[in-house]
Amino acid sequence: MVVGPQARIAPDVTCFDAADVVLAIEVVSAESDLRDRHRKPVLYAEAGIPHFWRIKEINEKPAVFVFELDPATKAYAPAGVFHEWLKLTVPFDIDIDLTKLYTPRTG
């Protein structure tokens, strides 16, 4: 998932210029774990995308790992891990109760 200027996002758009992307979000699955933790953050940082979030299930609950691009190193620096509530002011104001967005799997 990507977040960018509304004017650049449309239903038929499947590719974005990195300069238009403010935030890249990856939702980790067992199959994508290695790519989402190692390869994609490097690619996004090299492209200059200022913010990256990784969402992963931990103990049947969501966790949002937030990173910001360090312009000096051109690598992401950790900016926080959110388990119950995601409240940030950058790259935009967001205030979400994560527990209401998630339904644990039933056996």
Protein backbone atom coordinates (compact mmCIF):
# COMPACT_ATOMS: atom_id res chain seq x y z
CA MET A 1 0.00 0.00 0.00
CA VAL A 2 1.21 3.51 -0.75
CA VAL A 3 0.07 6.93 0.41
CA GLY A 4 0.61 9.98 -1.74
CA PRO A 5 -1.11 13.08 -3.11
CA GLN A 6 -4.75 12.39 -3.94
CA ALA A 7 -4.35 13.83 -7.42
CA ARG A 8 -1.90 11.04 -8.27
CA ILE A 9 -4.02 8.14 -7.00
CA ALA A 10 -6.75 6.65 -9.20
CA PRO A 11 -8.37 3.20 -9.52
CA ASP A 12 -6.52 2.44 -12.75
CA VAL A 13 -3.08 3.50 -11.46
CA THR A 14 -0.87 0.54 -10.51
CA CYS A 15 2.54 2.21 -10.52
CA PHE A 16 3.72 5.39 -8.80
CA ASP A 17 6.75 7.62 -9.07
CA ALA A 18 8.71 7.31 -5.82
CA ALA A 19 8.70 11.11 -5.54
CA ASP A 20 4.89 10.99 -5.21
CA VAL A 21 4.90 8.42 -2.38
CA VAL A 22 4.84 9.77 1.18
CA LEU A 23 4.38 6.43 2.94
CA ALA A 24 4.84 2.79 1.94
CA ILE A 25 3.09 0.14 4.03
CA GLU A 26 3.75 -3.58 3.97
CA VAL A 27 1.49 -6.12 5.69
CA VAL A 28 3.68 -9.08 6.58
CA SER A 29 2.60 -12.65 5.97
CA ALA A 30 4.59 -15.82 6.52
CA GLU A 31 5.34 -15.90 2.80
CA SER A 32 6.45 -12.25 2.58
CA ASP A 33 8.27 -11.86 5.91
CA LEU A 34 11.83 -11.85 4.60
CA ARG A 35 11.07 -9.48 1.71
CA ASP A 36 9.02 -7.11 3.91
CA ARG A 37 11.67 -6.92 6.65
CA HIS A 38 14.85 -6.82 4.56
CA ARG A 39 14.53 -6.19 0.84
CA LYS A 40 11.60 -3.77 0.49
CA PRO A 41 12.77 -1.26 3.12
CA VAL A 42 16.12 -0.99 1.33
CA LEU A 43 14.42 -0.42 -2.02
CA TYR A 44 11.99 2.16 -0.58
CA ALA A 45 14.81 4.01 1.22
CA GLU A 46 16.95 4.07 -1.93
CA ALA A 47 13.95 5.53 -3.79
CA GLY A 48 13.68 8.29 -1.17
CA ILE A 49 10.26 7.38 0.24
CA PRO A 50 10.25 9.28 3.55
CA HIS A 51 8.09 6.92 5.65
CA PHE A 52 7.72 3.15 5.86
CA TRP A 53 5.39 1.09 8.06
CA ARG A 54 5.47 -2.66 8.51
CA ILE A 55 2.37 -4.32 9.97
CA LYS A 56 2.77 -7.76 11.47
CA GLU A 57 0.67 -10.05 13.62
CA ILE A 58 2.30 -10.76 16.98
CA ASN A 59 0.52 -13.04 19.45
CA GLU A 60 -2.68 -12.74 17.38
CA LYS A 61 -2.61 -8.93 17.61
CA PRO A 62 -1.47 -6.31 15.11
CA ALA A 63 1.79 -4.45 15.59
CA VAL A 64 2.76 -1.45 13.47
CA PHE A 65 6.49 -0.83 13.12
CA VAL A 66 7.10 2.77 12.04
CA PHE A 67 10.26 3.99 10.29
CA GLU A 68 11.43 7.36 9.01
CA LEU A 69 14.05 7.93 6.34
CA ASP A 70 17.32 9.37 7.64
CA PRO A 71 18.48 11.66 4.82
CA ALA A 72 22.12 11.45 5.93
CA THR A 73 22.33 7.66 5.70
CA LYS A 74 19.48 7.11 3.19
CA ALA A 75 18.27 4.29 5.45
CA TYR A 76 15.23 3.93 7.68
CA ALA A 77 15.50 4.65 11.38
CA PRO A 78 12.97 3.13 13.79
CA ALA A 79 10.39 5.67 14.99
CA GLY A 80 8.22 3.42 17.16
CA VAL A 81 6.28 0.20 17.54
CA PHE A 82 2.55 0.39 18.17
CA HIS A 83 0.48 -2.52 19.50
CA GLU A 84 -2.85 -1.23 20.82
CA TRP A 85 -3.12 2.30 19.48
CA LEU A 86 -1.47 4.05 16.52
CA LYS A 87 -1.24 7.80 17.13
CA LEU A 88 1.16 9.87 15.02
CA THR A 89 1.51 13.36 13.61
CA VAL A 90 3.92 12.51 10.78
CA PRO A 91 3.60 12.00 7.90
CA PHE A 92 0.03 13.05 8.79
CA ASP A 93 -2.24 13.01 11.82
CA ILE A 94 -3.52 9.52 12.52
CA ASP A 95 -5.25 8.14 15.60
CA ILE A 96 -6.43 4.52 15.30
CA ASP A 97 -7.45 1.94 17.89
CA LEU A 98 -5.69 -1.07 16.37
CA THR A 99 -7.68 -3.53 18.47
CA LYS A 100 -10.87 -2.57 16.60
CA LEU A 101 -9.33 -3.27 13.20
CA TYR A 102 -8.37 -6.85 13.88
CA THR A 103 -10.36 -10.02 14.37
CA PRO A 104 -8.28 -12.97 15.62
CA ARG A 105 -8.58 -16.22 13.71
CA THR A 106 -10.81 -18.83 15.30
CA GLY A 107 -9.84 -22.48 15.40
